[in-house]
Protein backbone atom coordinates (compact mmCIF):
# COMPACT_ATOMS: atom_id res chain seq x y z
CA MET A 1 0.23 0.01 0.15
CA GLY A 2 3.14 2.29 -0.13
CA SER A 3 2.36 3.77 -3.54
CA ALA A 4 -1.11 5.20 -1.90
CA TYR A 5 1.09 7.48 0.59
CA THR A 6 1.23 10.96 -0.14
CA PRO A 7 4.83 12.68 -0.32
CA GLY A 8 5.78 15.38 2.40
CA LEU A 9 8.41 17.93 2.23
CA THR A 10 10.45 18.54 -0.70
CA VAL A 11 14.11 19.13 -0.83
CA SER A 12 15.05 19.16 -4.79
CA SER A 13 17.97 20.27 -6.88
CA ASP A 14 15.97 20.47 -9.87
CA THR A 15 11.84 19.95 -9.86
CA VAL A 16 8.93 21.87 -12.04
CA VAL A 17 6.67 23.61 -9.68
CA GLN A 18 3.59 25.88 -10.44
CA ARG A 19 1.84 28.61 -7.96
CA THR A 20 -1.34 29.89 -8.58
CA ARG A 21 -1.32 33.67 -8.26
CA ARG A 22 -5.26 34.89 -7.81
CA LEU A 23 -6.88 38.16 -6.66
CA PRO A 24 -9.21 38.60 -3.81
CA ILE A 25 -11.96 40.23 -5.73
CA LYS A 26 -12.33 40.16 -9.78
CA GLY A 27 -10.13 42.65 -11.41
CA GLU A 28 -7.72 42.90 -14.21
CA VAL A 29 -5.23 40.06 -15.21
CA ILE A 30 -2.39 41.99 -17.29
CA VAL A 31 -0.22 38.67 -18.40
CA LYS A 32 -1.18 36.20 -21.20
CA VAL A 33 -0.05 32.59 -21.66
CA GLY A 34 3.57 32.44 -22.39
CA ASP A 35 4.36 35.57 -20.87
CA THR A 36 7.80 35.32 -18.75
CA VAL A 37 7.62 37.28 -15.17
CA GLY A 38 9.70 37.88 -12.34
CA PRO A 39 8.88 37.66 -8.58
CA ASN A 40 8.16 41.51 -8.37
CA ASP A 41 6.42 41.60 -11.88
CA VAL A 42 2.55 42.43 -11.32
CA ILE A 43 0.51 40.13 -13.07
CA ALA A 44 -3.05 41.28 -11.95
CA ARG A 45 -4.66 44.20 -10.21
CA ALA A 46 -8.04 44.87 -8.63
CA MET A 47 -9.55 47.73 -6.90
CA LEU A 48 -11.15 47.08 -3.34
CA PRO A 49 -14.06 49.44 -2.47
CA GLY A 50 -12.96 51.84 0.08
CA HIS A 51 -14.67 52.13 3.47
CA LEU A 52 -18.02 53.78 3.90
CA GLN A 53 -18.06 56.45 6.41
CA THR A 54 -20.84 58.03 8.46
CA ILE A 55 -21.37 61.89 8.60
CA ARG A 56 -24.12 62.67 11.33
CA LEU A 57 -24.88 65.49 9.78
CA SER A 58 -28.34 66.44 11.98
CA GLU A 59 -26.47 66.15 15.07
CA LEU A 60 -23.53 68.24 14.21
CA LEU A 61 -25.61 70.96 12.69
CA GLY A 62 -28.10 70.59 16.17
CA VAL A 63 -31.37 70.50 13.40
CA GLY A 64 -34.10 67.73 12.63
CA VAL A 65 -32.90 64.93 10.64
CA GLN A 66 -35.23 66.21 8.02
CA GLU A 67 -33.98 69.51 7.83
CA ALA A 68 -30.37 68.61 7.70
CA PRO A 69 -30.04 67.85 3.83
CA GLU A 70 -31.41 71.63 3.30
CA PHE A 71 -27.80 73.01 4.86
CA LEU A 72 -25.83 71.06 2.40
CA VAL A 73 -23.19 72.65 0.22
CA VAL A 74 -22.23 69.67 -1.68
CA SER A 75 -24.60 67.22 -3.85
CA LEU A 76 -24.75 63.38 -4.14
CA GLY A 77 -21.97 62.12 -6.19
CA ASP A 78 -19.49 64.94 -5.41
CA THR A 79 -16.18 64.24 -4.42
CA ILE A 80 -14.95 65.94 -1.38
CA GLU A 81 -11.67 66.11 0.37
CA ALA A 82 -10.99 65.68 4.25
CA GLY A 83 -11.71 69.26 5.77
CA GLN A 84 -13.87 70.60 3.29
CA LEU A 85 -16.94 72.35 4.31
CA ILE A 86 -19.87 70.27 3.37
CA ALA A 87 -23.03 72.04 5.35
CA GLU A 88 -23.70 75.28 7.11
CA THR A 89 -26.66 76.66 8.94
CA LYS A 90 -27.53 80.24 8.08
CA GLY A 91 -27.46 81.37 11.49
CA PHE A 92 -29.91 83.85 13.24
CA ILE A 93 -28.75 87.70 13.61
CA ARG A 94 -26.45 88.63 10.85
CA GLY A 95 -24.78 85.35 10.61
CA TRP A 96 -24.20 84.95 14.15
CA PHE A 97 -24.49 81.12 15.75
CA LYS A 98 -24.02 79.86 12.15
CA GLN A 99 -23.13 75.80 12.60
CA SER A 100 -20.76 74.48 9.77
CA VAL A 101 -19.82 71.04 9.38
CA HIS A 102 -16.32 69.83 7.69
CA SER A 103 -15.80 66.40 6.32
CA ALA A 104 -13.42 64.20 8.62
CA TYR A 105 -13.16 61.99 5.17
CA SER A 106 -12.09 62.15 1.62
CA GLY A 107 -14.11 60.32 -0.86
CA LYS A 108 -17.41 60.36 -2.88
CA VAL A 109 -20.98 61.76 -1.38
CA GLU A 110 -22.58 58.36 -1.99
CA SER A 111 -25.94 58.89 0.15
CA ILE A 112 -27.86 61.69 1.77
CA SER A 113 -30.92 60.50 4.20
CA GLU A 114 -33.81 62.50 5.32
CA VAL A 115 -34.61 59.44 7.47
CA THR A 116 -31.29 59.54 9.59
CA GLY A 117 -30.01 63.02 8.97
CA HIS A 118 -26.73 61.10 7.78
CA VAL A 119 -24.20 61.31 4.73
CA LEU A 120 -22.56 58.36 3.99
CA VAL A 121 -19.03 59.10 2.24
CA ARG A 122 -17.32 56.39 0.44
CA GLN A 123 -13.66 56.53 0.62
CA PRO A 124 -11.06 56.29 -2.24
CA SER A 125 -10.87 52.69 -3.69
CA ILE A 126 -8.07 50.71 -2.63
CA PRO A 127 -5.54 49.19 -5.15
CA VAL A 128 -4.45 45.36 -4.90
CA GLU A 129 -1.74 43.97 -7.07
CA ILE A 130 -0.38 40.34 -6.89
CA THR A 131 2.95 39.67 -8.33
CA GLY A 132 4.42 36.83 -10.05
CA TYR A 133 6.39 35.77 -6.53
CA ILE A 134 8.26 33.05 -8.54
CA ARG A 135 10.38 33.64 -11.81
CA GLY A 136 8.61 31.79 -14.42
CA THR A 137 6.33 31.50 -17.25
CA VAL A 138 2.62 32.14 -17.45
CA VAL A 139 0.83 28.67 -18.35
CA GLU A 140 -2.60 29.53 -17.45
CA VAL A 141 -4.66 32.76 -17.21
CA THR A 142 -8.19 32.87 -15.50
CA GLU A 143 -9.60 36.08 -16.94
CA GLY A 144 -10.32 38.57 -14.27
CA GLU A 145 -8.84 36.32 -11.46
CA GLY A 146 -5.15 35.48 -11.89
CA ALA A 147 -3.05 33.00 -13.48
CA VAL A 148 -0.84 29.99 -13.13
CA ILE A 149 3.41 30.53 -12.88
CA GLU A 150 5.34 27.58 -13.82
CA THR A 151 8.89 27.57 -12.98
CA ARG A 152 11.97 24.86 -13.23
CA CYS A 153 13.45 25.24 -10.05
CA ALA A 154 15.38 23.97 -7.08
CA MET A 155 13.01 23.91 -4.17
CA ILE A 156 13.33 23.45 -0.16
CA GLN A 157 10.35 22.85 1.81
CA GLY A 158 10.19 23.79 5.38
CA ILE A 159 8.20 22.21 8.50
CA PHE A 160 7.22 25.58 9.79
CA GLY A 161 7.55 29.39 8.94
CA VAL A 162 6.17 32.71 9.71
CA GLY A 163 6.24 35.86 7.48
CA GLY A 164 5.13 36.57 3.94
CA GLU A 165 6.08 36.19 0.31
CA ARG A 166 9.74 38.13 -0.03
CA ASN A 167 12.77 37.52 -2.40
CA GLY A 168 16.22 38.01 -1.95
CA THR A 169 19.83 36.69 -2.51
CA ILE A 170 21.21 33.56 -0.65
CA ARG A 171 23.94 33.65 1.46
CA VAL A 172 24.91 30.87 3.84
CA ALA A 173 25.93 32.68 7.06
CA VAL A 174 27.48 29.60 9.18
CA ASP A 175 29.88 27.24 8.23
CA ALA A 176 27.98 23.86 9.25
CA PRO A 177 24.44 22.53 9.49
CA ASP A 178 25.20 22.39 13.21
CA ALA A 179 26.37 26.24 13.78
CA VAL A 180 23.78 28.52 15.48
CA LEU A 181 23.05 32.01 13.44
CA ASP A 182 23.66 34.57 15.85
CA ALA A 183 23.65 38.13 15.78
CA SER A 184 27.41 38.62 15.15
CA ARG A 185 26.82 36.60 11.75
CA ILE A 186 24.80 39.38 10.43
CA LYS A 187 26.07 42.35 8.27
CA ASP A 188 25.11 45.53 7.49
CA SER A 189 25.31 44.45 3.86
CA ASP A 190 22.76 41.70 4.24
CA ALA A 191 20.35 44.36 3.43
CA GLY A 192 17.90 42.33 0.95
CA ALA A 193 19.52 38.73 1.68
CA ILE A 194 18.02 35.39 2.69
CA LEU A 195 20.39 34.08 5.38
CA VAL A 196 20.79 30.33 5.96
CA GLY A 197 21.76 29.11 9.38
CA GLY A 198 22.45 25.82 10.81
CA ALA A 199 20.65 24.46 14.01
CA ASN A 200 19.30 27.56 15.46
CA VAL A 201 18.71 31.13 15.11
CA THR A 202 18.79 33.34 18.24
CA ALA A 203 16.45 36.07 19.50
CA ASP A 204 19.06 38.63 19.05
CA ALA A 205 19.91 37.51 15.56
CA LEU A 206 15.90 37.74 14.54
CA SER A 207 16.48 41.49 16.21
CA ARG A 208 19.78 41.90 14.24
CA ALA A 209 18.16 40.89 10.97
CA THR A 210 15.34 43.24 11.45
CA GLU A 211 17.48 46.14 11.75
CA ALA A 212 19.73 45.18 9.07
CA GLY A 213 17.21 44.88 6.21
CA VAL A 214 17.01 40.84 5.89
CA VAL A 215 14.35 39.43 4.15
CA GLY A 216 14.69 36.12 5.01
CA ILE A 217 16.11 33.48 7.29
CA VAL A 218 16.26 29.63 7.11
CA VAL A 219 17.70 27.68 9.81
CA GLY A 220 17.13 24.07 11.24
CA ALA A 221 15.10 24.79 14.18
CA VAL A 222 13.83 28.00 16.41
CA ARG A 223 13.05 27.98 19.97
CA ASP A 224 9.43 28.70 21.01
CA VAL A 225 10.71 31.21 23.53
CA ASP A 226 12.70 32.97 20.90
CA LEU A 227 9.81 32.92 18.32
CA ILE A 228 7.64 34.44 20.91
CA GLU A 229 9.89 37.30 21.70
CA PHE A 230 10.48 37.87 17.80
CA LEU A 231 6.72 38.02 16.84
CA GLY A 232 5.78 39.45 20.19
CA TYR A 233 2.89 36.89 21.10
CA ASP A 234 2.18 32.83 20.99
CA ILE A 235 1.44 32.09 17.73
CA GLY A 236 -0.74 29.26 18.43
CA VAL A 237 -1.40 26.69 15.42
CA ALA A 238 -3.67 28.72 12.97
CA ILE A 239 -2.39 28.97 9.69
CA THR A 240 0.64 31.42 9.38
CA GLY A 241 1.89 33.93 6.76
CA GLN A 242 0.60 36.93 7.77
CA GLU A 243 2.35 38.10 10.39
CA ASP A 244 3.43 41.77 10.67
CA ILE A 245 7.06 41.29 10.46
CA SER A 246 9.65 42.15 7.76
CA VAL A 247 11.83 38.88 8.00
CA THR A 248 10.28 36.01 6.85
CA LEU A 249 11.31 32.76 8.85
CA MET A 250 11.33 29.30 7.72
CA VAL A 251 12.73 26.02 9.73
CA THR A 252 13.57 23.02 8.01
CA GLU A 253 13.69 20.59 10.97
CA GLY A 254 11.28 21.33 14.13
CA PHE A 255 11.40 23.30 17.36
CA GLY A 256 14.12 23.58 19.94
CA GLU A 257 17.78 22.93 18.55
CA LEU A 258 17.89 20.63 15.76
CA GLN A 259 20.74 20.74 13.16
CA MET A 260 19.57 21.63 9.39
CA ALA A 261 19.76 18.31 7.46
CA ALA A 262 23.19 17.42 5.78
CA ARG A 263 21.69 17.68 2.46
CA THR A 264 19.69 20.49 2.70
CA PHE A 265 22.30 22.75 3.95
CA LYS A 266 24.56 21.38 1.09
CA LEU A 267 21.69 22.51 -1.45
CA PHE A 268 21.68 26.03 -0.03
CA LYS A 269 25.45 25.78 -0.16
CA SER A 270 25.37 25.26 -4.07
CA MET A 271 22.60 28.11 -4.20
CA GLU A 272 24.42 30.55 -2.41
CA GLY A 273 24.57 34.27 -4.62
CA LYS A 274 21.19 33.24 -6.57
CA ASN A 275 18.11 34.99 -6.31
CA ALA A 276 15.32 33.25 -4.23
CA SER A 277 11.56 33.39 -3.52
CA ILE A 278 10.63 32.34 0.28
CA ASN A 279 7.42 32.42 1.82
CA GLY A 280 6.75 31.48 5.53
CA ALA A 281 2.92 30.41 5.39
CA THR A 282 2.44 27.27 6.86
CA GLN A 283 -0.75 25.02 7.81
CA ILE A 284 -0.23 21.72 9.21
CA ARG A 285 -3.96 20.71 8.95
CA ALA A 286 -6.39 19.94 6.23
CA GLY A 287 -4.98 21.62 3.13
CA VAL A 288 -1.34 21.34 3.82
CA ILE A 289 0.63 24.46 2.87
CA ARG A 290 4.64 24.11 3.44
CA PRO A 291 7.06 27.18 4.06
CA GLU A 292 9.02 26.97 0.72
CA VAL A 293 12.21 28.37 -0.52
CA ILE A 294 12.36 28.31 -4.30
CA VAL A 295 15.47 29.40 -6.71
CA SER A 296 14.13 29.33 -10.46
CA ILE A 297 17.07 27.40 -12.98
CA ALA A 298 17.73 28.95 -16.29
CA GLY A 299 16.27 26.58 -18.75
CA ARG A 300 12.63 25.59 -19.77
CA ALA A 301 10.56 23.77 -17.89
CA GLU A 302 9.26 20.48 -19.65
CA ALA A 303 5.86 18.94 -18.72
CA VAL A 304 7.43 16.61 -16.11
CA ALA A 305 5.38 13.52 -15.25
CA ALA A 306 5.61 12.84 -11.39
CA ASP A 307 8.51 10.71 -10.55
CA GLN A 308 6.47 7.77 -9.08
CA GLU A 309 9.39 6.25 -7.61
CA SER A 310 10.25 9.10 -5.45
CA HIS A 311 6.54 9.68 -4.16
CA THR A 312 6.41 5.92 -3.11
CA LEU A 313 6.93 4.72 0.50
CA THR A 314 9.50 2.00 0.07
CA VAL A 315 12.63 0.46 1.73
CA GLY A 316 15.29 3.26 1.62
CA THR A 317 12.69 6.04 1.09
CA PRO A 318 14.31 8.99 3.11
CA ILE A 319 11.62 10.34 5.87
CA ARG A 320 10.70 12.63 8.44
CA ILE A 321 8.76 11.89 11.26
CA ILE A 322 6.31 14.46 12.27
CA ARG A 323 5.09 13.40 15.56
CA GLU A 324 6.35 12.76 18.96
CA PRO A 325 8.13 11.12 20.61
CA TYR A 326 10.44 11.65 17.26
CA PHE A 327 9.07 15.02 15.97
CA GLY A 328 11.45 16.48 13.13
CA VAL A 329 13.62 13.61 13.15
CA LEU A 330 15.04 12.48 9.86
CA ALA A 331 15.06 8.56 9.06
CA THR A 332 15.30 5.96 6.30
CA VAL A 333 12.78 3.13 5.81
CA THR A 334 13.68 -0.35 6.48
CA ASP A 335 10.76 -1.99 6.74
CA LEU A 336 7.08 -1.97 5.61
CA PRO A 337 5.38 -4.71 7.11
CA ALA A 338 1.93 -5.41 5.90
CA GLN A 339 0.08 -6.64 9.02
CA LEU A 340 -2.06 -3.94 10.88
CA GLN A 341 -0.12 -3.13 14.46
CA THR A 342 -1.87 -2.09 17.66
CA ILE A 343 -0.27 1.24 18.83
CA ASP A 344 -0.17 2.90 22.15
CA SER A 345 -3.58 4.72 21.65
CA GLY A 346 -5.04 1.18 20.98
CA ALA A 347 -5.60 1.77 17.28
CA ARG A 348 -4.32 -0.71 14.77
CA VAL A 349 -2.57 1.15 12.36
CA ARG A 350 -0.12 0.21 9.22
CA VAL A 351 3.26 1.29 10.82
CA LEU A 352 6.87 1.21 9.11
CA ARG A 353 10.18 0.75 10.67
CA ALA A 354 13.01 3.18 9.86
CA SER A 355 16.63 3.81 10.77
CA ILE A 356 17.31 7.52 12.51
CA ASP A 357 20.46 9.13 12.00
CA SER A 358 21.54 7.84 15.64
CA GLY A 359 21.35 4.28 14.17
CA GLU A 360 18.67 3.44 16.53
CA GLU A 361 15.44 1.43 14.68
CA VAL A 362 12.18 2.75 15.58
CA THR A 363 8.54 1.95 14.72
CA VAL A 364 6.08 4.67 14.00
CA PRO A 365 2.59 4.77 12.33
CA ARG A 366 3.06 5.35 8.45
CA ALA A 367 0.56 8.39 8.67
CA ASN A 368 3.21 9.98 11.21
CA VAL A 369 5.66 10.17 8.21
CA GLU A 370 6.25 12.32 5.42
CA ILE A 371 8.55 11.57 2.45
CA ILE A 372 11.64 13.74 1.86
CA SER A 373 11.81 14.16 -2.26
CA SER A 374 15.66 14.85 -2.72
CA SER A 375 15.65 14.64 -6.47
């Protein structure tokens, strides 16, 4: 039944990926199939309707709700600016005791109500643009919605991340996969860089990276306490990627102090100096989303059939265990027993046996591992 298994993290030096880029509302797609786009190229745009603001005219003028519209000096559909006079009473003796109302908002007068005495102002529309995110070719366009970008690339997926889409130049900031990325390893010249560390990143390094203008950090692991200090709050288990931070963080192994897998570190070393796209968005429940680093490779991305051998759970397959007590541990499958076995919870499930880096052989449920594709 190994062939029914869905692969997990990818660590590949040469693969083909597609990324769907979609507007949140209907808009205009400005690319066509066959176009080549870069990470920062705008491929579609839309205008979100501005906020609708209420001016309580009758209250501000001190008149009845039905009278209020009579004192307006603007009309329905007029464009107004913040601070502009929009209504004024005539006053009593020689203009004394006039009441005037100035708009607190810029926008268009959308409604004047004799029932409530309110004026509704629609603020200017908010432009929304989506970029290519990766360097590649447009292979599909959905009119008014977005496009699909395809690229031949090296791709490394992580187990967890925070922060959104960014792109920058890769610099491996440590000498070995077990080295800690601390503040002393971050340079002023790292503005716009994606830094690769080893086993861990310190809270001071995350702060220093923010100051230096670093756009991304990739390390083996991060301590909970350092992540909380970096974000300013405990992130919980919801989907990530929308955090208000300027540095996207991706961890490849897990939490605590875990060194980066040697093959992952070696691949990053081979990509040093190249431009990469990074995204920390993570969702570990239904509809799994993995954080990723993508480096486009020159050359045409041919239509590639899935490599069934690398996506099949067999003896010798490299895996990562994603549940305690071996969370984040890398291993190699040594046996795939056909019979169901009873685990600690009492459930009878399919299991596998695997050899972990220490040489110990462990038995874990097949559902608790994911394949590491390393083409």
